[in-house]
Amino acid sequence: MIIGVIAIIISEAALILGLAVNLRRRRKSERTLAERKLALNRDCLEKLLLKRTAEMKSALVTAETANQAKNDFLASMGHEIRTPMNAVLGVCRAL
């Protein structure tokens, strides 16, 4: 009878130990999977960041070019308007 009880206790202990080992393996597997997903997401975010940075640099160059064209246009138009305006004002003063 005592031997039977001891055998049951030993088999239950082995079962508990086996469950603990399986649980540890499963947690390690889940952790590894989570780390792989995290690495994949990090790589995707890095690629997206590089792409958007390139787009922003391109947009900045375009904006700077447009700003320079605007400044050139305004400077030219300012001169083109002032020259005839001075002539008109001169004629008005002469009258």
N, C-alpha and C. Protein backbone atom coordinates (compact mmCIF):
# COMPACT_ATOMS: atom_id res chain seq x y z
N MET A 1 0.82 -1.18 0.00
CA MET A 1 0.00 0.00 0.00
C MET A 1 0.87 1.26 0.00
N ILE A 2 1.87 1.33 0.85
CA ILE A 2 2.76 2.48 0.92
C ILE A 2 3.52 2.61 -0.40
N ILE A 3 3.91 1.49 -0.96
CA ILE A 3 4.64 1.52 -2.23
C ILE A 3 3.73 2.07 -3.32
N GLY A 4 2.46 1.72 -3.31
CA GLY A 4 1.51 2.24 -4.29
C GLY A 4 1.32 3.74 -4.17
N VAL A 5 1.25 4.22 -2.92
CA VAL A 5 1.10 5.66 -2.68
C VAL A 5 2.35 6.39 -3.14
N ILE A 6 3.51 5.80 -2.84
CA ILE A 6 4.78 6.42 -3.26
C ILE A 6 4.86 6.46 -4.79
N ALA A 7 4.42 5.41 -5.43
CA ALA A 7 4.44 5.34 -6.89
C ALA A 7 3.52 6.41 -7.48
N ILE A 8 2.36 6.61 -6.86
CA ILE A 8 1.42 7.64 -7.33
C ILE A 8 2.03 9.02 -7.14
N ILE A 9 2.65 9.24 -5.99
CA ILE A 9 3.28 10.54 -5.72
C ILE A 9 4.39 10.80 -6.73
N ILE A 10 5.20 9.77 -7.00
CA ILE A 10 6.30 9.93 -7.95
C ILE A 10 5.76 10.21 -9.36
N SER A 11 4.70 9.48 -9.75
CA SER A 11 4.16 9.71 -11.09
C SER A 11 3.54 11.10 -11.20
N GLU A 12 2.90 11.58 -10.12
CA GLU A 12 2.33 12.93 -10.14
C GLU A 12 3.44 13.98 -10.17
N ALA A 13 4.51 13.72 -9.44
CA ALA A 13 5.65 14.65 -9.45
C ALA A 13 6.27 14.71 -10.85
N ALA A 14 6.39 13.54 -11.48
CA ALA A 14 6.94 13.50 -12.84
C ALA A 14 6.02 14.24 -13.81
N LEU A 15 4.72 14.07 -13.62
CA LEU A 15 3.75 14.77 -14.46
C LEU A 15 3.86 16.28 -14.27
N ILE A 16 3.96 16.72 -13.03
CA ILE A 16 4.10 18.15 -12.74
C ILE A 16 5.39 18.69 -13.32
N LEU A 17 6.48 17.90 -13.17
CA LEU A 17 7.77 18.32 -13.72
C LEU A 17 7.69 18.41 -15.23
N GLY A 18 7.03 17.44 -15.86
CA GLY A 18 6.87 17.47 -17.31
C GLY A 18 6.06 18.67 -17.76
N LEU A 19 5.00 18.98 -17.02
CA LEU A 19 4.19 20.16 -17.34
C LEU A 19 5.01 21.43 -17.21
N ALA A 20 5.82 21.50 -16.17
CA ALA A 20 6.67 22.68 -15.97
C ALA A 20 7.67 22.84 -17.11
N VAL A 21 8.26 21.73 -17.54
CA VAL A 21 9.23 21.77 -18.64
C VAL A 21 8.52 22.20 -19.93
N ASN A 22 7.34 21.64 -20.17
CA ASN A 22 6.58 22.02 -21.38
C ASN A 22 6.19 23.49 -21.33
N LEU A 23 5.77 23.96 -20.17
CA LEU A 23 5.39 25.36 -20.02
C LEU A 23 6.59 26.27 -20.27
N ARG A 24 7.76 25.87 -19.76
CA ARG A 24 8.98 26.66 -19.96
C ARG A 24 9.33 26.70 -21.45
N ARG A 25 9.24 25.55 -22.13
CA ARG A 25 9.53 25.50 -23.55
C ARG A 25 8.55 26.37 -24.35
N ARG A 26 7.27 26.30 -23.97
CA ARG A 26 6.25 27.08 -24.67
C ARG A 26 6.49 28.57 -24.48
N ARG A 27 6.84 28.96 -23.26
CA ARG A 27 7.12 30.38 -23.01
C ARG A 27 8.33 30.84 -23.80
N LYS A 28 9.36 29.99 -23.86
CA LYS A 28 10.56 30.33 -24.62
C LYS A 28 10.21 30.45 -26.10
N SER A 29 9.39 29.53 -26.61
CA SER A 29 8.97 29.58 -28.00
C SER A 29 8.15 30.84 -28.27
N GLU A 30 7.24 31.17 -27.36
CA GLU A 30 6.44 32.39 -27.52
C GLU A 30 7.31 33.64 -27.48
N ARG A 31 8.30 33.64 -26.60
CA ARG A 31 9.21 34.78 -26.50
C ARG A 31 10.01 34.93 -27.79
N THR A 32 10.50 33.79 -28.32
CA THR A 32 11.25 33.82 -29.56
C THR A 32 10.39 34.35 -30.70
N LEU A 33 9.15 33.88 -30.77
CA LEU A 33 8.24 34.35 -31.80
C LEU A 33 7.97 35.85 -31.65
N ALA A 34 7.77 36.30 -30.44
CA ALA A 34 7.52 37.72 -30.19
C ALA A 34 8.75 38.55 -30.58
N GLU A 35 9.94 38.04 -30.30
CA GLU A 35 11.17 38.76 -30.67
C GLU A 35 11.30 38.84 -32.18
N ARG A 36 10.94 37.76 -32.88
CA ARG A 36 11.00 37.79 -34.35
C ARG A 36 10.01 38.80 -34.91
N LYS A 37 8.80 38.82 -34.36
CA LYS A 37 7.80 39.79 -34.82
C LYS A 37 8.28 41.21 -34.55
N LEU A 38 8.86 41.42 -33.38
CA LEU A 38 9.37 42.74 -33.03
C LEU A 38 10.48 43.17 -33.99
N ALA A 39 11.39 42.25 -34.30
CA ALA A 39 12.47 42.57 -35.23
C ALA A 39 11.91 42.90 -36.62
N LEU A 40 10.90 42.14 -37.05
CA LEU A 40 10.28 42.39 -38.35
C LEU A 40 9.60 43.76 -38.37
N ASN A 41 8.88 44.07 -37.32
CA ASN A 41 8.22 45.38 -37.23
C ASN A 41 9.24 46.51 -37.20
N ARG A 42 10.34 46.29 -36.47
CA ARG A 42 11.38 47.31 -36.40
C ARG A 42 11.98 47.55 -37.78
N ASP A 43 12.23 46.45 -38.53
CA ASP A 43 12.78 46.59 -39.88
C ASP A 43 11.80 47.34 -40.79
N CYS A 44 10.52 47.00 -40.69
CA CYS A 44 9.51 47.68 -41.51
C CYS A 44 9.45 49.16 -41.16
N LEU A 45 9.51 49.48 -39.88
CA LEU A 45 9.46 50.89 -39.47
C LEU A 45 10.70 51.65 -39.94
N GLU A 46 11.86 50.99 -39.89
CA GLU A 46 13.08 51.65 -40.37
C GLU A 46 12.98 51.95 -41.86
N LYS A 47 12.46 50.99 -42.65
CA LYS A 47 12.30 51.21 -44.09
C LYS A 47 11.31 52.34 -44.35
N LEU A 48 10.21 52.33 -43.61
CA LEU A 48 9.20 53.38 -43.77
C LEU A 48 9.78 54.74 -43.40
N LEU A 49 10.57 54.79 -42.34
CA LEU A 49 11.20 56.05 -41.92
C LEU A 49 12.16 56.56 -42.99
N LEU A 50 12.97 55.66 -43.55
CA LEU A 50 13.90 56.07 -44.60
C LEU A 50 13.14 56.58 -45.83
N LYS A 51 12.05 55.89 -46.19
CA LYS A 51 11.25 56.30 -47.35
C LYS A 51 10.65 57.68 -47.11
N ARG A 52 10.06 57.88 -45.95
CA ARG A 52 9.41 59.17 -45.67
C ARG A 52 10.44 60.28 -45.53
N THR A 53 11.61 59.96 -45.01
CA THR A 53 12.67 60.97 -44.92
C THR A 53 13.09 61.41 -46.31
N ALA A 54 13.22 60.45 -47.22
CA ALA A 54 13.58 60.78 -48.61
C ALA A 54 12.49 61.63 -49.25
N GLU A 55 11.22 61.27 -48.99
CA GLU A 55 10.11 62.07 -49.54
C GLU A 55 10.14 63.49 -48.99
N MET A 56 10.42 63.62 -47.71
CA MET A 56 10.46 64.95 -47.09
C MET A 56 11.61 65.78 -47.65
N LYS A 57 12.76 65.15 -47.86
CA LYS A 57 13.89 65.87 -48.45
C LYS A 57 13.55 66.35 -49.85
N SER A 58 12.89 65.49 -50.61
CA SER A 58 12.48 65.87 -51.97
C SER A 58 11.48 67.02 -51.93
N ALA A 59 10.53 66.94 -51.01
CA ALA A 59 9.54 68.01 -50.88
C ALA A 59 10.21 69.31 -50.46
N LEU A 60 11.21 69.22 -49.60
CA LEU A 60 11.92 70.43 -49.16
C LEU A 60 12.66 71.07 -50.33
N VAL A 61 13.32 70.26 -51.15
CA VAL A 61 14.03 70.80 -52.31
C VAL A 61 13.03 71.47 -53.26
N THR A 62 11.88 70.83 -53.48
CA THR A 62 10.86 71.41 -54.35
C THR A 62 10.35 72.73 -53.79
N ALA A 63 10.10 72.77 -52.49
CA ALA A 63 9.61 74.00 -51.86
C ALA A 63 10.65 75.11 -51.94
N GLU A 64 11.91 74.78 -51.71
CA GLU A 64 12.96 75.80 -51.79
C GLU A 64 13.09 76.33 -53.22
N THR A 65 12.96 75.45 -54.21
CA THR A 65 13.03 75.87 -55.61
C THR A 65 11.86 76.79 -55.93
N ALA A 66 10.66 76.42 -55.48
CA ALA A 66 9.47 77.26 -55.72
C ALA A 66 9.61 78.60 -55.02
N ASN A 67 10.15 78.61 -53.83
CA ASN A 67 10.34 79.86 -53.10
C ASN A 67 11.32 80.78 -53.83
N GLN A 68 12.40 80.21 -54.36
CA GLN A 68 13.37 81.01 -55.10
C GLN A 68 12.75 81.56 -56.38
N ALA A 69 11.93 80.73 -57.05
CA ALA A 69 11.27 81.20 -58.27
C ALA A 69 10.31 82.34 -57.94
N LYS A 70 9.59 82.23 -56.82
CA LYS A 70 8.68 83.30 -56.39
C LYS A 70 9.46 84.58 -56.12
N ASN A 71 10.57 84.46 -55.41
CA ASN A 71 11.39 85.65 -55.10
C ASN A 71 11.93 86.30 -56.36
N ASP A 72 12.38 85.47 -57.30
CA ASP A 72 12.88 86.01 -58.57
C ASP A 72 11.76 86.72 -59.33
N PHE A 73 10.58 86.11 -59.36
CA PHE A 73 9.43 86.71 -60.06
C PHE A 73 9.06 88.05 -59.43
N LEU A 74 8.97 88.08 -58.10
CA LEU A 74 8.58 89.32 -57.43
C LEU A 74 9.62 90.42 -57.63
N ALA A 75 10.88 90.04 -57.61
CA ALA A 75 11.93 91.04 -57.83
C ALA A 75 11.84 91.59 -59.26
N SER A 76 11.63 90.69 -60.21
CA SER A 76 11.52 91.11 -61.61
C SER A 76 10.28 91.96 -61.84
N MET A 77 9.15 91.52 -61.30
CA MET A 77 7.90 92.27 -61.49
C MET A 77 7.96 93.62 -60.78
N GLY A 78 8.62 93.65 -59.64
CA GLY A 78 8.76 94.93 -58.94
C GLY A 78 9.50 95.93 -59.81
N HIS A 79 10.54 95.48 -60.47
CA HIS A 79 11.31 96.36 -61.37
C HIS A 79 10.47 96.73 -62.59
N GLU A 80 9.77 95.75 -63.15
CA GLU A 80 8.96 95.98 -64.35
C GLU A 80 7.81 96.96 -64.08
N ILE A 81 7.28 96.97 -62.87
CA ILE A 81 6.19 97.88 -62.54
C ILE A 81 6.72 99.27 -62.18
N ARG A 82 7.84 99.32 -61.45
CA ARG A 82 8.38 100.61 -61.01
C ARG A 82 8.85 101.47 -62.18
N THR A 83 9.46 100.86 -63.18
CA THR A 83 10.01 101.64 -64.29
C THR A 83 8.92 102.41 -65.04
N PRO A 84 7.85 101.77 -65.51
CA PRO A 84 6.80 102.55 -66.18
C PRO A 84 6.07 103.50 -65.23
N MET A 85 5.95 103.10 -63.98
CA MET A 85 5.25 103.95 -63.00
C MET A 85 6.00 105.25 -62.81
N ASN A 86 7.32 105.20 -62.80
CA ASN A 86 8.12 106.42 -62.67
C ASN A 86 7.89 107.34 -63.88
N ALA A 87 7.74 106.73 -65.03
CA ALA A 87 7.49 107.55 -66.24
C ALA A 87 6.13 108.22 -66.14
N VAL A 88 5.12 107.50 -65.69
CA VAL A 88 3.78 108.05 -65.57
C VAL A 88 3.79 109.19 -64.53
N LEU A 89 4.44 108.95 -63.39
CA LEU A 89 4.52 109.99 -62.37
C LEU A 89 5.26 111.22 -62.88
N GLY A 90 6.29 111.00 -63.66
CA GLY A 90 7.04 112.14 -64.22
C GLY A 90 6.19 112.97 -65.16
N VAL A 91 5.38 112.29 -65.97
CA VAL A 91 4.50 113.00 -66.90
C VAL A 91 3.45 113.76 -66.13
N CYS A 92 2.91 113.14 -65.09
CA CYS A 92 1.87 113.81 -64.28
C CYS A 92 2.44 115.07 -63.62
N ARG A 93 3.66 115.03 -63.16
CA ARG A 93 4.28 116.19 -62.52
C ARG A 93 4.51 117.30 -63.53
N ALA A 94 4.83 116.88 -64.74
CA ALA A 94 5.10 117.87 -65.78
C ALA A 94 3.84 118.63 -66.17
N LEU A 95 2.70 117.99 -65.99
CA LEU A 95 1.44 118.66 -66.35
C LEU A 95 1.11 119.59 -65.26
